[in-house]
Amino acid sequence: MIDEAVCPSLKVMFHTFGCKLNFAETASVAEQFVARGHVKADSSSAPDIIVINSCSVTAEADRKCRSTIRSLNRKYPAAAVVVTGCYAQLKPEEVAAQPGVKAVVGVNDKLHIPEIAEQAWLTGQRPQRFAEAKDLREFMPSCSRGDRTRFFLKVQDGCDYWCTYCTIPKARGRSRSGRIEDIVSQAHKAAEMGGKEIVITGVNIGDFGHGRD
């Protein structure tokens, strides 16, 4: 919970690009905001914070992210835009230069986005938090509802293969996996929420088990 004497309850909007893995992670970040006393912005209210989870699989993906940042900034000029995801990890300076962007958060710090967003909103500072690819080792447990009964459960992240045509290892770091007991717990929670189907997701699911404590 937030200390309302320091930071009031804020309205937060989320926009996600790319893969099901990104959508699962955005859902987890949204849960963290709610747990800290914030609320999701609806279509009838202007957000205080906009969190954009970006993709960078192609140059077109980068362009769409920049276009969306500019569009949202024009529509909600008072909102603090926080950008995370692969584009933010690979090109943080380029992202930070976009209008309205108040914070750039790399892959390793996605779990800390609510605190970073609060800091940016309160102080007006423009924090950048990201680690080099070799240091991306933290696993972020994530699960999102795809529709009323289907959930997407993240079990693995990163890749160790470093194919010459692929940016994934630079964007998401080394291959790493969630703990089985945590994954099972998330699956039980999805079932309790009415889930009838759970889709396992990750960057390279065949590597499940790598990078686990």
N, C-alpha and C. Protein backbone atom coordinates (compact mmCIF):
# COMPACT_ATOMS: atom_id res chain seq x y z
N MET A 1 0.83 -1.20 0.00
CA MET A 1 0.00 0.00 0.00
C MET A 1 0.87 1.25 0.00
N ILE A 2 0.39 2.30 -0.67
CA ILE A 2 1.15 3.53 -0.71
C ILE A 2 0.81 4.40 0.50
N ASP A 3 1.72 5.27 0.85
CA ASP A 3 1.48 6.27 1.87
C ASP A 3 0.86 7.47 1.17
N GLU A 4 -0.47 7.69 1.37
CA GLU A 4 -1.16 8.74 0.62
C GLU A 4 -0.68 10.12 1.01
N ALA A 5 0.01 10.23 2.15
CA ALA A 5 0.59 11.51 2.51
C ALA A 5 1.76 11.85 1.59
N VAL A 6 2.35 10.80 1.00
CA VAL A 6 3.48 10.99 0.10
C VAL A 6 3.02 10.90 -1.35
N CYS A 7 2.29 9.84 -1.68
CA CYS A 7 1.82 9.64 -3.04
C CYS A 7 0.35 9.23 -3.01
N PRO A 8 -0.54 10.02 -3.59
CA PRO A 8 -1.95 9.66 -3.58
C PRO A 8 -2.23 8.48 -4.50
N SER A 9 -3.43 7.96 -4.42
CA SER A 9 -3.84 6.90 -5.34
C SER A 9 -3.87 7.48 -6.76
N LEU A 10 -3.19 6.80 -7.67
CA LEU A 10 -3.06 7.29 -9.04
C LEU A 10 -3.84 6.40 -10.01
N LYS A 11 -4.27 6.98 -11.12
CA LYS A 11 -4.94 6.23 -12.18
C LYS A 11 -3.87 5.82 -13.20
N VAL A 12 -3.82 4.52 -13.50
CA VAL A 12 -2.75 3.99 -14.34
C VAL A 12 -3.34 3.31 -15.57
N MET A 13 -2.82 3.66 -16.73
CA MET A 13 -3.22 3.04 -18.01
C MET A 13 -2.08 2.15 -18.49
N PHE A 14 -2.42 1.03 -19.13
CA PHE A 14 -1.42 0.09 -19.64
C PHE A 14 -1.61 -0.13 -21.14
N HIS A 15 -0.49 -0.17 -21.86
CA HIS A 15 -0.52 -0.46 -23.30
C HIS A 15 0.62 -1.44 -23.58
N THR A 16 0.28 -2.57 -24.20
CA THR A 16 1.26 -3.64 -24.41
C THR A 16 1.42 -3.96 -25.88
N PHE A 17 2.67 -4.08 -26.30
CA PHE A 17 3.01 -4.52 -27.65
C PHE A 17 3.60 -5.93 -27.59
N GLY A 18 3.53 -6.63 -28.73
CA GLY A 18 4.33 -7.85 -28.88
C GLY A 18 3.68 -9.14 -28.43
N CYS A 19 4.50 -9.97 -27.79
CA CYS A 19 4.18 -11.37 -27.54
C CYS A 19 3.30 -11.57 -26.30
N LYS A 20 2.79 -12.81 -26.16
CA LYS A 20 1.99 -13.17 -25.00
C LYS A 20 2.79 -13.05 -23.72
N LEU A 21 4.09 -13.21 -23.82
CA LEU A 21 4.96 -13.03 -22.65
C LEU A 21 4.85 -11.60 -22.13
N ASN A 22 4.87 -10.63 -23.02
CA ASN A 22 4.72 -9.23 -22.61
C ASN A 22 3.37 -9.00 -21.94
N PHE A 23 2.31 -9.59 -22.50
CA PHE A 23 0.98 -9.40 -21.92
C PHE A 23 0.90 -10.00 -20.52
N ALA A 24 1.54 -11.16 -20.33
CA ALA A 24 1.56 -11.76 -19.00
C ALA A 24 2.29 -10.87 -18.01
N GLU A 25 3.41 -10.28 -18.44
CA GLU A 25 4.18 -9.42 -17.55
C GLU A 25 3.42 -8.13 -17.23
N THR A 26 2.74 -7.57 -18.22
CA THR A 26 1.95 -6.37 -17.95
C THR A 26 0.88 -6.65 -16.91
N ALA A 27 0.25 -7.81 -16.99
CA ALA A 27 -0.78 -8.18 -16.00
C ALA A 27 -0.19 -8.21 -14.60
N SER A 28 1.03 -8.72 -14.46
CA SER A 28 1.68 -8.78 -13.14
C SER A 28 2.02 -7.38 -12.64
N VAL A 29 2.48 -6.51 -13.54
CA VAL A 29 2.79 -5.13 -13.14
C VAL A 29 1.51 -4.42 -12.70
N ALA A 30 0.42 -4.65 -13.43
CA ALA A 30 -0.86 -4.03 -13.07
C ALA A 30 -1.31 -4.48 -11.68
N GLU A 31 -1.13 -5.76 -11.37
CA GLU A 31 -1.48 -6.26 -10.04
C GLU A 31 -0.67 -5.55 -8.96
N GLN A 32 0.60 -5.28 -9.25
CA GLN A 32 1.45 -4.59 -8.28
C GLN A 32 0.96 -3.17 -8.02
N PHE A 33 0.54 -2.48 -9.08
CA PHE A 33 0.00 -1.13 -8.90
C PHE A 33 -1.23 -1.16 -8.01
N VAL A 34 -2.14 -2.10 -8.27
CA VAL A 34 -3.37 -2.21 -7.49
C VAL A 34 -3.05 -2.53 -6.03
N ALA A 35 -2.07 -3.40 -5.81
CA ALA A 35 -1.68 -3.77 -4.45
C ALA A 35 -1.11 -2.58 -3.69
N ARG A 36 -0.58 -1.59 -4.42
CA ARG A 36 -0.02 -0.40 -3.78
C ARG A 36 -1.07 0.71 -3.62
N GLY A 37 -2.32 0.42 -3.95
CA GLY A 37 -3.39 1.39 -3.73
C GLY A 37 -3.78 2.21 -4.94
N HIS A 38 -3.22 1.91 -6.11
CA HIS A 38 -3.56 2.64 -7.32
C HIS A 38 -4.71 1.93 -8.04
N VAL A 39 -5.26 2.58 -9.07
CA VAL A 39 -6.39 2.00 -9.80
C VAL A 39 -6.10 2.05 -11.30
N LYS A 40 -6.70 1.11 -12.04
CA LYS A 40 -6.57 1.13 -13.48
C LYS A 40 -7.47 2.23 -14.06
N ALA A 41 -6.91 3.03 -14.95
CA ALA A 41 -7.68 4.09 -15.58
C ALA A 41 -8.68 3.48 -16.56
N ASP A 42 -9.89 4.00 -16.58
CA ASP A 42 -10.87 3.54 -17.57
C ASP A 42 -11.01 4.60 -18.66
N SER A 43 -11.87 4.32 -19.63
CA SER A 43 -11.98 5.20 -20.80
C SER A 43 -12.56 6.57 -20.46
N SER A 44 -13.16 6.69 -19.28
CA SER A 44 -13.82 7.94 -18.92
C SER A 44 -12.92 8.88 -18.11
N SER A 45 -11.72 8.44 -17.78
CA SER A 45 -10.86 9.28 -16.94
C SER A 45 -9.44 9.34 -17.51
N ALA A 46 -8.81 10.48 -17.35
CA ALA A 46 -7.45 10.66 -17.82
C ALA A 46 -6.48 10.01 -16.84
N PRO A 47 -5.49 9.25 -17.33
CA PRO A 47 -4.54 8.59 -16.44
C PRO A 47 -3.50 9.56 -15.89
N ASP A 48 -3.00 9.24 -14.70
CA ASP A 48 -1.85 9.96 -14.16
C ASP A 48 -0.55 9.35 -14.68
N ILE A 49 -0.57 8.04 -14.87
CA ILE A 49 0.61 7.30 -15.34
C ILE A 49 0.19 6.39 -16.49
N ILE A 50 1.02 6.32 -17.52
CA ILE A 50 0.81 5.39 -18.63
C ILE A 50 2.02 4.47 -18.70
N VAL A 51 1.79 3.17 -18.56
CA VAL A 51 2.87 2.19 -18.65
C VAL A 51 2.80 1.51 -20.02
N ILE A 52 3.87 1.63 -20.80
CA ILE A 52 3.94 1.01 -22.13
C ILE A 52 4.97 -0.11 -22.08
N ASN A 53 4.53 -1.33 -22.35
CA ASN A 53 5.42 -2.48 -22.41
C ASN A 53 5.72 -2.74 -23.87
N SER A 54 6.94 -2.44 -24.29
CA SER A 54 7.29 -2.36 -25.70
C SER A 54 7.86 -3.66 -26.27
N CYS A 55 7.86 -3.71 -27.60
CA CYS A 55 8.46 -4.82 -28.36
C CYS A 55 9.52 -4.22 -29.27
N SER A 56 10.52 -5.02 -29.66
CA SER A 56 11.55 -4.51 -30.56
C SER A 56 12.02 -5.60 -31.52
N VAL A 57 11.08 -6.47 -31.91
CA VAL A 57 11.47 -7.60 -32.77
C VAL A 57 11.82 -7.12 -34.18
N THR A 58 11.27 -5.98 -34.59
CA THR A 58 11.59 -5.39 -35.90
C THR A 58 11.66 -3.87 -35.75
N ALA A 59 12.19 -3.21 -36.80
CA ALA A 59 12.20 -1.75 -36.83
C ALA A 59 10.78 -1.21 -36.84
N GLU A 60 9.86 -1.93 -37.45
CA GLU A 60 8.46 -1.51 -37.47
C GLU A 60 7.86 -1.52 -36.07
N ALA A 61 8.25 -2.50 -35.26
CA ALA A 61 7.78 -2.54 -33.87
C ALA A 61 8.26 -1.31 -33.11
N ASP A 62 9.51 -0.92 -33.32
CA ASP A 62 10.04 0.30 -32.69
C ASP A 62 9.24 1.52 -33.13
N ARG A 63 8.96 1.60 -34.43
CA ARG A 63 8.22 2.75 -34.97
C ARG A 63 6.82 2.85 -34.36
N LYS A 64 6.14 1.70 -34.25
CA LYS A 64 4.79 1.70 -33.68
C LYS A 64 4.81 2.15 -32.22
N CYS A 65 5.85 1.75 -31.50
CA CYS A 65 5.95 2.18 -30.10
C CYS A 65 6.14 3.68 -30.01
N ARG A 66 7.03 4.23 -30.83
CA ARG A 66 7.25 5.69 -30.82
C ARG A 66 5.96 6.42 -31.19
N SER A 67 5.26 5.92 -32.20
CA SER A 67 4.02 6.55 -32.63
C SER A 67 2.98 6.53 -31.52
N THR A 68 2.89 5.43 -30.79
CA THR A 68 1.93 5.32 -29.70
C THR A 68 2.29 6.26 -28.55
N ILE A 69 3.57 6.35 -28.24
CA ILE A 69 4.00 7.29 -27.19
C ILE A 69 3.58 8.71 -27.53
N ARG A 70 3.83 9.12 -28.78
CA ARG A 70 3.47 10.48 -29.20
C ARG A 70 1.96 10.69 -29.16
N SER A 71 1.21 9.67 -29.61
CA SER A 71 -0.25 9.78 -29.63
C SER A 71 -0.82 9.91 -28.22
N LEU A 72 -0.34 9.07 -27.31
CA LEU A 72 -0.84 9.12 -25.94
C LEU A 72 -0.43 10.41 -25.24
N ASN A 73 0.77 10.90 -25.56
CA ASN A 73 1.22 12.16 -24.97
C ASN A 73 0.35 13.33 -25.43
N ARG A 74 -0.06 13.31 -26.70
CA ARG A 74 -0.96 14.36 -27.19
C ARG A 74 -2.32 14.28 -26.51
N LYS A 75 -2.80 13.07 -26.30
CA LYS A 75 -4.13 12.88 -25.71
C LYS A 75 -4.13 13.15 -24.22
N TYR A 76 -3.03 12.74 -23.53
CA TYR A 76 -2.94 12.89 -22.07
C TYR A 76 -1.63 13.60 -21.72
N PRO A 77 -1.51 14.88 -22.01
CA PRO A 77 -0.23 15.58 -21.83
C PRO A 77 0.24 15.66 -20.39
N ALA A 78 -0.66 15.52 -19.43
CA ALA A 78 -0.27 15.62 -18.02
C ALA A 78 0.21 14.28 -17.46
N ALA A 79 0.03 13.20 -18.20
CA ALA A 79 0.40 11.87 -17.68
C ALA A 79 1.90 11.63 -17.78
N ALA A 80 2.43 10.90 -16.80
CA ALA A 80 3.83 10.47 -16.83
C ALA A 80 3.90 9.14 -17.56
N VAL A 81 4.62 9.11 -18.67
CA VAL A 81 4.74 7.89 -19.47
C VAL A 81 5.96 7.10 -19.00
N VAL A 82 5.74 5.82 -18.69
CA VAL A 82 6.81 4.91 -18.27
C VAL A 82 6.91 3.82 -19.32
N VAL A 83 8.08 3.66 -19.92
CA VAL A 83 8.26 2.69 -20.99
C VAL A 83 9.20 1.59 -20.52
N THR A 84 8.77 0.34 -20.72
CA THR A 84 9.58 -0.82 -20.38
C THR A 84 9.57 -1.77 -21.57
N GLY A 85 10.11 -2.97 -21.42
CA GLY A 85 10.10 -3.95 -22.49
C GLY A 85 11.36 -3.93 -23.33
N CYS A 86 11.33 -4.68 -24.44
CA CYS A 86 12.53 -4.91 -25.23
C CYS A 86 13.07 -3.65 -25.89
N TYR A 87 12.19 -2.79 -26.40
CA TYR A 87 12.65 -1.54 -27.02
C TYR A 87 13.34 -0.66 -25.99
N ALA A 88 12.77 -0.59 -24.80
CA ALA A 88 13.38 0.21 -23.72
C ALA A 88 14.73 -0.36 -23.31
N GLN A 89 14.84 -1.69 -23.31
CA GLN A 89 16.09 -2.33 -22.93
C GLN A 89 17.18 -2.10 -23.97
N LEU A 90 16.81 -2.18 -25.25
CA LEU A 90 17.80 -2.10 -26.32
C LEU A 90 18.19 -0.67 -26.67
N LYS A 91 17.23 0.26 -26.58
CA LYS A 91 17.49 1.64 -27.03
C LYS A 91 16.94 2.64 -26.01
N PRO A 92 17.46 2.63 -24.79
CA PRO A 92 16.88 3.48 -23.74
C PRO A 92 16.98 4.97 -24.03
N GLU A 93 18.09 5.41 -24.65
CA GLU A 93 18.24 6.84 -24.93
C GLU A 93 17.21 7.29 -25.97
N GLU A 94 16.98 6.45 -26.97
CA GLU A 94 16.00 6.77 -28.01
C GLU A 94 14.60 6.86 -27.41
N VAL A 95 14.28 5.94 -26.52
CA VAL A 95 12.97 5.94 -25.86
C VAL A 95 12.83 7.17 -24.97
N ALA A 96 13.86 7.48 -24.20
CA ALA A 96 13.81 8.61 -23.26
C ALA A 96 13.60 9.94 -23.97
N ALA A 97 13.99 10.01 -25.24
CA ALA A 97 13.86 11.26 -26.00
C ALA A 97 12.45 11.50 -26.50
N GLN A 98 11.55 10.53 -26.36
CA GLN A 98 10.19 10.68 -26.86
C GLN A 98 9.39 11.60 -25.93
N PRO A 99 8.44 12.36 -26.47
CA PRO A 99 7.68 13.31 -25.66
C PRO A 99 6.84 12.62 -24.58
N GLY A 100 6.90 13.18 -23.38
CA GLY A 100 6.09 12.65 -22.29
C GLY A 100 6.72 11.54 -21.49
N VAL A 101 7.83 10.96 -21.98
CA VAL A 101 8.45 9.84 -21.27
C VAL A 101 9.16 10.34 -20.02
N LYS A 102 8.75 9.83 -18.88
CA LYS A 102 9.32 10.24 -17.60
C LYS A 102 10.21 9.17 -16.98
N ALA A 103 10.12 7.93 -17.48
CA ALA A 103 10.98 6.86 -16.94
C ALA A 103 11.14 5.77 -17.99
N VAL A 104 12.35 5.22 -18.07
CA VAL A 104 12.66 4.10 -18.95
C VAL A 104 13.14 2.96 -18.06
N VAL A 105 12.47 1.82 -18.16
CA VAL A 105 12.72 0.71 -17.24
C VAL A 105 13.08 -0.54 -18.03
N GLY A 106 14.29 -1.07 -17.79
CA GLY A 106 14.73 -2.27 -18.48
C GLY A 106 14.09 -3.52 -17.93
N VAL A 107 14.43 -4.64 -18.56
CA VAL A 107 13.80 -5.92 -18.25
C VAL A 107 13.99 -6.33 -16.80
N ASN A 108 15.18 -6.11 -16.26
CA ASN A 108 15.46 -6.57 -14.89
C ASN A 108 14.68 -5.80 -13.83
N ASP A 109 14.17 -4.63 -14.18
CA ASP A 109 13.50 -3.79 -13.19
C ASP A 109 11.99 -3.71 -13.39
N LYS A 110 11.42 -4.59 -14.21
CA LYS A 110 9.97 -4.57 -14.41
C LYS A 110 9.22 -4.74 -13.10
N LEU A 111 9.77 -5.54 -12.20
CA LEU A 111 9.11 -5.77 -10.92
C LEU A 111 9.07 -4.50 -10.06
N HIS A 112 9.88 -3.50 -10.42
CA HIS A 112 9.95 -2.27 -9.62
C HIS A 112 9.27 -1.09 -10.31
N ILE A 113 8.52 -1.35 -11.36
CA ILE A 113 7.89 -0.27 -12.11
C ILE A 113 6.97 0.60 -11.26
N PRO A 114 6.13 0.05 -10.37
CA PRO A 114 5.27 0.93 -9.57
C PRO A 114 6.05 1.95 -8.75
N GLU A 115 7.13 1.52 -8.08
CA GLU A 115 7.92 2.46 -7.28
C GLU A 115 8.60 3.50 -8.16
N ILE A 116 9.11 3.05 -9.33
CA ILE A 116 9.78 3.98 -10.25
C ILE A 116 8.78 4.99 -10.79
N ALA A 117 7.57 4.52 -11.14
CA ALA A 117 6.53 5.41 -11.66
C ALA A 117 6.11 6.43 -10.62
N GLU A 118 5.96 5.99 -9.37
CA GLU A 118 5.61 6.92 -8.29
C GLU A 118 6.67 7.99 -8.15
N GLN A 119 7.94 7.58 -8.19
CA GLN A 119 9.04 8.54 -8.07
C GLN A 119 9.00 9.56 -9.20
N ALA A 120 8.77 9.08 -10.43
CA ALA A 120 8.72 9.98 -11.58
C ALA A 120 7.56 10.95 -11.46
N TRP A 121 6.41 10.47 -11.00
CA TRP A 121 5.21 11.32 -10.88
C TRP A 121 5.39 12.36 -9.77
N LEU A 122 5.99 11.94 -8.65
CA LEU A 122 6.13 12.84 -7.51
C LEU A 122 7.22 13.90 -7.72
N THR A 123 8.34 13.49 -8.29
CA THR A 123 9.51 14.37 -8.33
C THR A 123 9.74 15.04 -9.68
N GLY A 124 9.14 14.48 -10.74
CA GLY A 124 9.41 15.01 -12.06
C GLY A 124 10.75 14.59 -12.62
N GLN A 125 11.49 13.78 -11.86
CA GLN A 125 12.76 13.27 -12.34
C GLN A 125 12.52 12.25 -13.45
N ARG A 126 13.56 11.95 -14.22
CA ARG A 126 13.44 11.03 -15.35
C ARG A 126 14.38 9.85 -15.16
N PRO A 127 14.03 8.92 -14.27
CA PRO A 127 14.93 7.79 -13.99
C PRO A 127 15.04 6.84 -15.17
N GLN A 128 16.24 6.29 -15.35
CA GLN A 128 16.47 5.21 -16.30
C GLN A 128 17.06 4.05 -15.53
N ARG A 129 16.41 2.90 -15.61
CA ARG A 129 16.85 1.73 -14.87
C ARG A 129 16.96 0.54 -15.83
N PHE A 130 18.18 0.17 -16.16
CA PHE A 130 18.34 -1.01 -17.00
C PHE A 130 19.73 -1.59 -16.78
N ALA A 131 19.84 -2.91 -17.02
CA ALA A 131 21.11 -3.62 -16.85
C ALA A 131 21.58 -4.13 -18.21
N GLU A 132 22.87 -4.39 -18.32
CA GLU A 132 23.41 -4.98 -19.54
C GLU A 132 22.87 -6.40 -19.73
N ALA A 133 22.87 -6.87 -20.98
CA ALA A 133 22.29 -8.17 -21.29
C ALA A 133 22.88 -9.29 -20.44
N LYS A 134 24.19 -9.23 -20.19
CA LYS A 134 24.84 -10.30 -19.43
C LYS A 134 24.36 -10.34 -17.98
N ASP A 135 23.77 -9.24 -17.51
CA ASP A 135 23.32 -9.16 -16.12
C ASP A 135 21.82 -9.38 -15.96
N LEU A 136 21.12 -9.69 -17.06
CA LEU A 136 19.68 -9.93 -16.99
C LEU A 136 19.43 -11.37 -16.56
N ARG A 137 19.28 -11.57 -15.26
CA ARG A 137 19.16 -12.92 -14.72
C ARG A 137 17.93 -13.12 -13.83
N GLU A 138 17.23 -12.03 -13.51
CA GLU A 138 16.09 -12.13 -12.61
C GLU A 138 14.87 -12.65 -13.37
N PHE A 139 14.14 -13.60 -12.77
CA PHE A 139 12.93 -14.13 -13.39
C PHE A 139 11.72 -13.44 -12.78
N MET A 140 10.85 -12.94 -13.64
CA MET A 140 9.64 -12.24 -13.19
C MET A 140 8.44 -13.15 -13.38
N PRO A 141 7.86 -13.70 -12.30
CA PRO A 141 6.68 -14.55 -12.43
C PRO A 141 5.52 -13.74 -13.00
N SER A 142 4.80 -14.31 -13.98
CA SER A 142 3.72 -13.57 -14.63
C SER A 142 2.64 -14.52 -15.13
N CYS A 143 1.40 -14.04 -15.05
CA CYS A 143 0.27 -14.80 -15.56
C CYS A 143 -0.81 -13.81 -15.95
N SER A 144 -1.37 -13.95 -17.15
CA SER A 144 -2.41 -13.03 -17.59
C SER A 144 -3.61 -13.79 -18.12
N ARG A 145 -4.78 -13.17 -18.05
CA ARG A 145 -6.00 -13.74 -18.58
C ARG A 145 -6.13 -13.33 -20.04
N GLY A 146 -6.15 -14.31 -20.93
CA GLY A 146 -6.29 -14.01 -22.35
C GLY A 146 -7.72 -13.72 -22.74
N ASP A 147 -8.66 -14.47 -22.20
CA ASP A 147 -10.08 -14.19 -22.34
C ASP A 147 -10.75 -14.65 -21.06
N ARG A 148 -12.03 -14.98 -21.09
CA ARG A 148 -12.71 -15.30 -19.85
C ARG A 148 -12.20 -16.57 -19.18
N THR A 149 -11.72 -17.54 -19.96
CA THR A 149 -11.32 -18.82 -19.37
C THR A 149 -9.91 -19.26 -19.72
N ARG A 150 -9.20 -18.51 -20.55
CA ARG A 150 -7.83 -18.89 -20.95
C ARG A 150 -6.83 -17.97 -20.27
N PHE A 151 -5.77 -18.57 -19.71
CA PHE A 151 -4.70 -17.82 -19.07
C PHE A 151 -3.38 -18.14 -19.74
N PHE A 152 -2.47 -17.17 -19.73
CA PHE A 152 -1.12 -17.35 -20.25
C PHE A 152 -0.14 -17.29 -19.09
N LEU A 153 0.57 -18.38 -18.87
CA LEU A 153 1.45 -18.52 -17.71
C LEU A 153 2.91 -18.56 -18.16
N LYS A 154 3.68 -17.60 -17.70
CA LYS A 154 5.10 -17.51 -18.04
C LYS A 154 5.90 -18.50 -17.20
N VAL A 155 6.71 -19.34 -17.86
CA VAL A 155 7.53 -20.31 -17.13
C VAL A 155 9.03 -20.12 -17.42
N GLN A 156 9.35 -19.36 -18.47
CA GLN A 156 10.75 -19.24 -18.89
C GLN A 156 10.96 -17.88 -19.53
N ASP A 157 12.20 -17.39 -19.48
CA ASP A 157 12.54 -16.10 -20.08
C ASP A 157 13.96 -16.17 -20.61
N GLY A 158 14.28 -15.30 -21.57
CA GLY A 158 15.65 -15.19 -22.07
C GLY A 158 16.06 -16.31 -23.01
N CYS A 159 17.27 -16.17 -23.55
CA CYS A 159 17.79 -17.15 -24.52
C CYS A 159 19.32 -17.11 -24.50
N ASP A 160 19.93 -18.29 -24.63
CA ASP A 160 21.40 -18.40 -24.60
C ASP A 160 22.01 -18.64 -25.98
N TYR A 161 21.22 -18.62 -27.05
CA TYR A 161 21.74 -19.10 -28.34
C TYR A 161 22.40 -18.03 -29.19
N TRP A 162 22.06 -16.76 -29.01
CA TRP A 162 22.73 -15.67 -29.69
C TRP A 162 22.82 -15.85 -31.20
N CYS A 163 21.68 -16.14 -31.84
CA CYS A 163 21.64 -16.21 -33.30
C CYS A 163 21.91 -14.81 -33.86
N THR A 164 22.62 -14.75 -34.98
CA THR A 164 23.08 -13.46 -35.49
C THR A 164 21.93 -12.54 -35.90
N TYR A 165 20.79 -13.10 -36.28
CA TYR A 165 19.67 -12.30 -36.77
C TYR A 165 18.71 -11.88 -35.66
N CYS A 166 18.93 -12.31 -34.42
CA CYS A 166 17.94 -12.17 -33.36
C CYS A 166 18.44 -11.26 -32.24
N THR A 167 17.55 -10.36 -31.78
CA THR A 167 17.91 -9.44 -30.70
C THR A 167 17.46 -9.92 -29.32
N ILE A 168 16.78 -11.06 -29.26
CA ILE A 168 16.19 -11.51 -28.00
C ILE A 168 17.22 -11.64 -26.86
N PRO A 169 18.39 -12.28 -27.07
CA PRO A 169 19.33 -12.38 -25.95
C PRO A 169 19.77 -11.01 -25.42
N LYS A 170 19.93 -10.02 -26.31
CA LYS A 170 20.29 -8.68 -25.86
C LYS A 170 19.13 -8.00 -25.13
N ALA A 171 17.91 -8.30 -25.57
CA ALA A 171 16.74 -7.64 -25.00
C ALA A 171 16.26 -8.30 -23.72
N ARG A 172 16.39 -9.63 -23.62
CA ARG A 172 15.83 -10.34 -22.47
C ARG A 172 16.87 -11.12 -21.66
N GLY A 173 18.10 -11.14 -22.12
CA GLY A 173 19.15 -11.74 -21.30
C GLY A 173 19.23 -13.25 -21.39
N ARG A 174 19.93 -13.82 -20.43
CA ARG A 174 20.20 -15.26 -20.40
C ARG A 174 18.93 -16.06 -20.12
N SER A 175 18.95 -17.32 -20.55
CA SER A 175 17.82 -18.21 -20.29
C SER A 175 17.68 -18.47 -18.80
N ARG A 176 16.44 -18.34 -18.31
CA ARG A 176 16.17 -18.58 -16.90
C ARG A 176 14.71 -19.01 -16.75
N SER A 177 14.42 -19.70 -15.67
CA SER A 177 13.10 -20.29 -15.49
C SER A 177 12.55 -19.99 -14.11
N GLY A 178 11.23 -20.10 -14.01
CA GLY A 178 10.58 -19.95 -12.73
C GLY A 178 10.70 -21.22 -11.90
N ARG A 179 10.48 -21.08 -10.60
CA ARG A 179 10.49 -22.24 -9.71
C ARG A 179 9.20 -23.01 -9.89
N ILE A 180 9.29 -24.33 -9.92
CA ILE A 180 8.11 -25.16 -10.18
C ILE A 180 7.01 -24.88 -9.17
N GLU A 181 7.36 -24.73 -7.88
CA GLU A 181 6.33 -24.50 -6.86
C GLU A 181 5.60 -23.18 -7.09
N ASP A 182 6.33 -22.16 -7.59
CA ASP A 182 5.68 -20.87 -7.88
C ASP A 182 4.75 -20.99 -9.08
N ILE A 183 5.20 -21.71 -10.10
CA ILE A 183 4.39 -21.89 -11.31
C ILE A 183 3.11 -22.66 -10.99
N VAL A 184 3.23 -23.71 -10.18
CA VAL A 184 2.05 -24.49 -9.79
C VAL A 184 1.09 -23.62 -8.99
N SER A 185 1.62 -22.79 -8.11
CA SER A 185 0.79 -21.89 -7.31
C SER A 185 0.02 -20.92 -8.21
N GLN A 186 0.68 -20.38 -9.24
CA GLN A 186 0.01 -19.48 -10.17
C GLN A 186 -1.06 -20.21 -10.96
N ALA A 187 -0.79 -21.47 -11.32
CA ALA A 187 -1.79 -22.25 -12.06
C ALA A 187 -3.03 -22.49 -11.20
N HIS A 188 -2.83 -22.79 -9.91
CA HIS A 188 -3.96 -22.97 -9.01
C HIS A 188 -4.77 -21.68 -8.90
N LYS A 189 -4.08 -20.55 -8.83
CA LYS A 189 -4.76 -19.26 -8.72
C LYS A 189 -5.59 -18.99 -9.97
N ALA A 190 -5.02 -19.32 -11.15
CA ALA A 190 -5.76 -19.13 -12.41
C ALA A 190 -7.02 -19.98 -12.43
N ALA A 191 -6.90 -21.22 -11.93
CA ALA A 191 -8.07 -22.11 -11.88
C ALA A 191 -9.13 -21.56 -10.94
N GLU A 192 -8.70 -21.00 -9.81
CA GLU A 192 -9.64 -20.42 -8.85
C GLU A 192 -10.37 -19.22 -9.44
N MET A 193 -9.73 -18.54 -10.40
CA MET A 193 -10.33 -17.37 -11.04
C MET A 193 -11.20 -17.75 -12.24
N GLY A 194 -11.41 -19.05 -12.42
CA GLY A 194 -12.28 -19.51 -13.50
C GLY A 194 -11.57 -19.99 -14.74
N GLY A 195 -10.23 -20.11 -14.68
CA GLY A 195 -9.48 -20.56 -15.83
C GLY A 195 -9.77 -22.01 -16.19
N LYS A 196 -10.04 -22.26 -17.45
CA LYS A 196 -10.27 -23.62 -17.94
C LYS A 196 -9.10 -24.12 -18.79
N GLU A 197 -8.29 -23.19 -19.26
CA GLU A 197 -7.14 -23.53 -20.10
C GLU A 197 -5.97 -22.63 -19.72
N ILE A 198 -4.79 -23.22 -19.55
CA ILE A 198 -3.58 -22.47 -19.24
C ILE A 198 -2.57 -22.71 -20.36
N VAL A 199 -2.17 -21.64 -21.03
CA VAL A 199 -1.18 -21.73 -22.10
C VAL A 199 0.19 -21.38 -21.52
N ILE A 200 1.13 -22.31 -21.63
CA ILE A 200 2.48 -22.09 -21.13
C ILE A 200 3.23 -21.20 -22.12
N THR A 201 3.87 -20.14 -21.60
CA THR A 201 4.56 -19.22 -22.49
C THR A 201 5.97 -18.92 -21.98
N GLY A 202 6.83 -18.48 -22.90
CA GLY A 202 8.21 -18.14 -22.59
C GLY A 202 8.92 -17.78 -23.88
N VAL A 203 10.16 -17.36 -23.78
CA VAL A 203 10.94 -17.04 -24.97
C VAL A 203 11.36 -18.33 -25.67
N ASN A 204 11.84 -19.30 -24.90
CA ASN A 204 12.30 -20.58 -25.43
C ASN A 204 11.92 -21.66 -24.42
N ILE A 205 10.70 -22.15 -24.51
CA ILE A 205 10.18 -23.08 -23.50
C ILE A 205 10.99 -24.36 -23.43
N GLY A 206 11.64 -24.73 -24.54
CA GLY A 206 12.48 -25.92 -24.54
C GLY A 206 13.65 -25.84 -23.57
N ASP A 207 13.97 -24.63 -23.15
CA ASP A 207 15.07 -24.41 -22.19
C ASP A 207 14.57 -24.40 -20.75
N PHE A 208 13.31 -24.74 -20.52
CA PHE A 208 12.79 -24.68 -19.16
C PHE A 208 13.67 -25.52 -18.20
N GLY A 209 14.00 -24.95 -17.09
CA GLY A 209 14.89 -25.58 -16.12
C GLY A 209 16.24 -24.90 -16.05
N HIS A 210 16.61 -24.16 -17.12
CA HIS A 210 17.89 -23.44 -17.11
C HIS A 210 17.78 -22.20 -16.24
N GLY A 211 18.85 -21.86 -15.57
CA GLY A 211 18.91 -20.62 -14.81
C GLY A 211 18.00 -20.58 -13.62
N ARG A 212 17.65 -21.74 -13.06
CA ARG A 212 16.77 -21.77 -11.91
C ARG A 212 17.58 -22.07 -10.67
N ASP A 213 17.28 -21.34 -9.57
CA ASP A 213 17.99 -21.56 -8.32
C ASP A 213 17.67 -22.95 -7.76
